[in-house]
C-alpha atoms as a PDB file:
ATOM      1  CA  UNK A   1      -0.070  -0.016  -0.045  1.00  0.00           C
ATOM      2  CA  UNK A   2       1.247   3.567  -0.753  1.00  0.00           C
ATOM      3  CA  UNK A   3       2.171   5.560   2.112  1.00  0.00           C
ATOM      4  CA  UNK A   4      -0.002   8.343   0.823  1.00  0.00           C
ATOM      5  CA  UNK A   5      -3.420   6.838   1.459  1.00  0.00           C
ATOM      6  CA  UNK A   6      -6.523   8.425   2.870  1.00  0.00           C
ATOM      7  CA  UNK A   7      -8.515   6.733   5.628  1.00  0.00           C
ATOM      8  CA  UNK A   8     -12.196   7.372   5.130  1.00  0.00           C
ATOM      9  CA  UNK A   9     -14.070   6.662   8.380  1.00  0.00           C
ATOM     10  CA  UNK A  10     -17.728   6.377   7.345  1.00  0.00           C
ATOM     11  CA  UNK A  11     -20.416   3.952   8.114  1.00  0.00           C
ATOM     12  CA  UNK A  12     -22.987   4.807   5.557  1.00  0.00           C
ATOM     13  CA  UNK A  13     -22.387   2.646   2.416  1.00  0.00           C
ATOM     14  CA  UNK A  14     -23.955   5.473   0.241  1.00  0.00           C
ATOM     15  CA  UNK A  15     -21.579   8.059   1.510  1.00  0.00           C
ATOM     16  CA  UNK A  16     -18.702   5.768   1.077  1.00  0.00           C
ATOM     17  CA  UNK A  17     -19.631   5.186  -2.589  1.00  0.00           C
ATOM     18  CA  UNK A  18     -20.277   8.731  -3.095  1.00  0.00           C
ATOM     19  CA  UNK A  19     -16.840   9.776  -1.726  1.00  0.00           C
ATOM     20  CA  UNK A  20     -15.035   7.083  -3.849  1.00  0.00           C
ATOM     21  CA  UNK A  21     -16.913   8.262  -6.933  1.00  0.00           C
ATOM     22  CA  UNK A  22     -15.985  11.845  -6.126  1.00  0.00           C
ATOM     23  CA  UNK A  23     -12.362  10.975  -5.690  1.00  0.00           C
ATOM     24  CA  UNK A  24     -12.311   9.058  -9.031  1.00  0.00           C
ATOM     25  CA  UNK A  25     -14.117  11.892 -10.844  1.00  0.00           C
ATOM     26  CA  UNK A  26     -11.580  14.317  -9.445  1.00  0.00           C
ATOM     27  CA  UNK A  27      -8.692  12.109 -10.687  1.00  0.00           C
ATOM     28  CA  UNK A  28      -7.370  11.535  -7.117  1.00  0.00           C
ATOM     29  CA  UNK A  29      -4.994   8.693  -7.385  1.00  0.00           C
ATOM     30  CA  UNK A  30      -4.334   8.119  -3.613  1.00  0.00           C
ATOM     31  CA  UNK A  31      -5.780   4.802  -2.368  1.00  0.00           C
ATOM     32  CA  UNK A  32      -8.639   5.068   0.179  1.00  0.00           C
ATOM     33  CA  UNK A  33      -9.001   2.565   2.965  1.00  0.00           C
ATOM     34  CA  UNK A  34     -12.507   2.574   4.506  1.00  0.00           C
ATOM     35  CA  UNK A  35     -13.243   2.101   8.281  1.00  0.00           C
ATOM     36  CA  UNK A  36     -16.935   1.584   8.811  1.00  0.00           C
ATOM     37  CA  UNK A  37     -16.900   2.558  12.572  1.00  0.00           C
ATOM     38  CA  UNK A  38     -14.787   4.464  15.002  1.00  0.00           C
ATOM     39  CA  UNK A  39     -13.553   1.185  16.560  1.00  0.00           C
ATOM     40  CA  UNK A  40     -12.307  -0.085  13.408  1.00  0.00           C
ATOM     41  CA  UNK A  41     -10.568   3.283  12.672  1.00  0.00           C
ATOM     42  CA  UNK A  42      -8.777   3.408  15.879  1.00  0.00           C
ATOM     43  CA  UNK A  43      -7.665  -0.318  15.515  1.00  0.00           C
ATOM     44  CA  UNK A  44      -6.216   0.509  11.971  1.00  0.00           C
ATOM     45  CA  UNK A  45      -4.541   3.685  12.989  1.00  0.00           C
ATOM     46  CA  UNK A  46      -2.914   2.275  16.151  1.00  0.00           C
ATOM     47  CA  UNK A  47      -2.043  -1.053  14.848  1.00  0.00           C
ATOM     48  CA  UNK A  48      -0.771  -0.529  11.278  1.00  0.00           C
ATOM     49  CA  UNK A  49       2.039   1.532   9.575  1.00  0.00           C
ATOM     50  CA  UNK A  50       2.295   3.699   7.883  1.00  0.00           C
ATOM     51  CA  UNK A  51      -0.290   6.091   8.932  1.00  0.00           C
ATOM     52  CA  UNK A  52      -2.551   7.671   6.259  1.00  0.00           C
ATOM     53  CA  UNK A  53      -1.795  11.030   4.872  1.00  0.00           C
ATOM     54  CA  UNK A  54      -5.221  12.259   5.718  1.00  0.00           C
ATOM     55  CA  UNK A  55      -8.223  10.955   7.706  1.00  0.00           C
ATOM     56  CA  UNK A  56     -11.667  11.928   6.613  1.00  0.00           C
ATOM     57  CA  UNK A  57     -13.818  11.552   9.722  1.00  0.00           C
ATOM     58  CA  UNK A  58     -17.554  11.323   9.991  1.00  0.00           C
ATOM     59  CA  UNK A  59     -18.999  12.152  13.472  1.00  0.00           C
ATOM     60  CA  UNK A  60     -22.038   9.977  13.753  1.00  0.00           C
ATOM     61  CA  UNK A  61     -20.417   6.488  13.832  1.00  0.00           C
ATOM     62  CA  UNK A  62     -21.331   3.181  15.542  1.00  0.00           C
ATOM     63  CA  UNK A  63     -19.273   1.767  18.446  1.00  0.00           C
ATOM     64  CA  UNK A  64     -17.016   4.876  18.895  1.00  0.00           C
ATOM     65  CA  UNK A  65     -18.264   8.190  17.677  1.00  0.00           C
ATOM     66  CA  UNK A  66     -16.229  10.544  15.550  1.00  0.00           C
ATOM     67  CA  UNK A  67     -15.380  12.996  18.197  1.00  0.00           C
ATOM     68  CA  UNK A  68     -14.162  10.247  20.532  1.00  0.00           C
ATOM     69  CA  UNK A  69     -11.952   9.017  17.747  1.00  0.00           C
ATOM     70  CA  UNK A  70     -10.521  12.528  17.266  1.00  0.00           C
ATOM     71  CA  UNK A  71      -9.989  12.734  21.043  1.00  0.00           C
ATOM     72  CA  UNK A  72      -7.913   9.586  21.043  1.00  0.00           C
ATOM     73  CA  UNK A  73      -5.955  10.541  18.128  1.00  0.00           C
ATOM     74  CA  UNK A  74      -4.913  13.814  19.619  1.00  0.00           C
ATOM     75  CA  UNK A  75      -4.040  12.027  22.968  1.00  0.00           C
ATOM     76  CA  UNK A  76      -1.459   9.749  21.428  1.00  0.00           C
ATOM     77  CA  UNK A  77       1.912  10.986  20.385  1.00  0.00           C
ATOM     78  CA  UNK A  78       2.009   8.909  17.205  1.00  0.00           C
ATOM     79  CA  UNK A  79      -1.263  10.548  15.767  1.00  0.00           C
ATOM     80  CA  UNK A  80      -1.295  13.880  17.430  1.00  0.00           C
ATOM     81  CA  UNK A  81      -0.306  15.731  14.274  1.00  0.00           C
ATOM     82  CA  UNK A  82      -2.119  13.504  11.741  1.00  0.00           C
ATOM     83  CA  UNK A  83      -4.294  15.660   9.546  1.00  0.00           C
ATOM     84  CA  UNK A  84      -8.008  14.995  10.375  1.00  0.00           C
ATOM     85  CA  UNK A  85     -10.892  16.484   8.345  1.00  0.00           C
ATOM     86  CA  UNK A  86     -14.212  16.036   9.690  1.00  0.00           C
ATOM     87  CA  UNK A  87     -16.615  15.346   6.940  1.00  0.00           C
ATOM     88  CA  UNK A  88     -20.077  15.191   8.037  1.00  0.00           C
ATOM     89  CA  UNK A  89     -23.762  15.896   7.485  1.00  0.00           C
ATOM     90  CA  UNK A  90     -24.111  17.313  11.029  1.00  0.00           C
ATOM     91  CA  UNK A  91     -25.093  21.033  11.053  1.00  0.00           C
ATOM     92  CA  UNK A  92     -25.003  21.182  14.933  1.00  0.00           C
ATOM     93  CA  UNK A  93     -22.930  23.987  16.246  1.00  0.00           C
ATOM     94  CA  UNK A  94     -21.804  22.017  19.238  1.00  0.00           C
ATOM     95  CA  UNK A  95     -20.287  19.418  16.897  1.00  0.00           C
ATOM     96  CA  UNK A  96     -18.300  22.150  14.901  1.00  0.00           C
ATOM     97  CA  UNK A  97     -17.086  23.719  18.325  1.00  0.00           C
ATOM     98  CA  UNK A  98     -16.091  20.398  19.771  1.00  0.00           C
ATOM     99  CA  UNK A  99     -14.418  19.155  16.697  1.00  0.00           C
ATOM    100  CA  UNK A 100     -12.250  22.137  16.534  1.00  0.00           C
ATOM    101  CA  UNK A 101     -11.699  22.043  20.289  1.00  0.00           C
ATOM    102  CA  UNK A 102     -10.384  18.529  20.073  1.00  0.00           C
ATOM    103  CA  UNK A 103      -7.975  19.436  17.234  1.00  0.00           C
ATOM    104  CA  UNK A 104      -9.697  18.795  13.873  1.00  0.00           C
ATOM    105  CA  UNK A 105      -7.753  20.452  11.134  1.00  0.00           C
ATOM    106  CA  UNK A 106     -10.980  21.247   9.112  1.00  0.00           C
ATOM    107  CA  UNK A 107     -14.806  20.809   9.471  1.00  0.00           C
ATOM    108  CA  UNK A 108     -16.645  20.191   6.150  1.00  0.00           C
ATOM    109  CA  UNK A 109     -20.353  19.722   5.899  1.00  0.00           C
ATOM    110  CA  UNK A 110     -21.059  17.233   3.230  1.00  0.00           C
ATOM    111  CA  UNK A 111     -22.891  19.041   0.343  1.00  0.00           C
ATOM    112  CA  UNK A 112     -26.160  17.186  -0.649  1.00  0.00           C
ATOM    113  CA  UNK A 113     -25.660  17.860  -4.442  1.00  0.00           C
ATOM    114  CA  UNK A 114     -23.307  15.408  -6.072  1.00  0.00           C
ATOM    115  CA  UNK A 115     -21.572  17.996  -8.275  1.00  0.00           C
ATOM    116  CA  UNK A 116     -21.013  20.198  -5.205  1.00  0.00           C
ATOM    117  CA  UNK A 117     -19.678  17.182  -3.197  1.00  0.00           C
ATOM    118  CA  UNK A 118     -17.294  16.349  -6.044  1.00  0.00           C
ATOM    119  CA  UNK A 119     -15.997  19.967  -6.102  1.00  0.00           C
ATOM    120  CA  UNK A 120     -15.655  19.966  -2.362  1.00  0.00           C
ATOM    121  CA  UNK A 121     -13.756  16.697  -2.353  1.00  0.00           C
ATOM    122  CA  UNK A 122     -11.606  17.915  -5.313  1.00  0.00           C
ATOM    123  CA  UNK A 123     -10.581  21.149  -3.354  1.00  0.00           C
ATOM    124  CA  UNK A 124     -10.021  19.194  -0.084  1.00  0.00           C
ATOM    125  CA  UNK A 125      -7.947  16.648  -1.758  1.00  0.00           C
ATOM    126  CA  UNK A 126      -5.915  19.196  -3.672  1.00  0.00           C
ATOM    127  CA  UNK A 127      -5.186  21.033  -0.520  1.00  0.00           C
ATOM    128  CA  UNK A 128      -4.528  18.107   1.810  1.00  0.00           C
ATOM    129  CA  UNK A 129      -2.888  15.636  -0.428  1.00  0.00           C
ATOM    130  CA  UNK A 130      -0.860  17.977  -2.767  1.00  0.00           C
ATOM    131  CA  UNK A 131      -0.353  21.467  -1.406  1.00  0.00           C
ATOM    132  CA  UNK A 132      -0.205  20.814   2.343  1.00  0.00           C
ATOM    133  CA  UNK A 133       3.261  19.884   3.853  1.00  0.00           C
ATOM    134  CA  UNK A 134       2.543  17.549   6.765  1.00  0.00           C
ATOM    135  CA  UNK A 135       4.682  17.351   9.734  1.00  0.00           C
ATOM    136  CA  UNK A 136       7.173  14.330  10.001  1.00  0.00           C
ATOM    137  CA  UNK A 137       5.676  11.149  11.372  1.00  0.00           C
ATOM    138  CA  UNK A 138       6.235  10.755  15.090  1.00  0.00           C
ATOM    139  CA  UNK A 139       9.568   9.092  15.715  1.00  0.00           C
ATOM    140  CA  UNK A 140      10.829   9.879  12.126  1.00  0.00           C
ATOM    141  CA  UNK A 141      14.348  11.604  12.063  1.00  0.00           C
END
C-alpha cells in the first residue's frame, strides 16, 4: 500500500460510494481505505503502519463516535499531528465547536448535491494531499 493513502471513516455505504466516486471523478490517485466505525478506525490507526496522509472522519459512527476517535488521536503522540478533516452531514454548532476544540484540522459539511460534493472533495484533496506539507511522522528523523 502506498504511504500516501486516505483513511475514510464512514458507516454509511452510500456516502462511502459517493466519496469514492468523487475521488475518481476528481482524478485523485491516492488509495482510500474505509473504516466502517470508530472502533475499526482506531484499530487501524494504532496497529498499522504507515499512517494515512489524511483522515476523513464522519461524526455519527457506531461503536465509537467521531469526536471520541478524534479525542484519542490527539492524545497519542503517534497520531497527534495527523491531519483530520471532519466530513459530516451534522449542522450542529456544538459538533463544530467540539471538533475544533479536540484538534480537527478542518470541518466540512457534506454537500447534498453530487456536483458540489465532487467539487468539495476535489478542493479538499488538492489542499490536503498535494499542497499541504505535513509534519514528519512521530519518531521519524
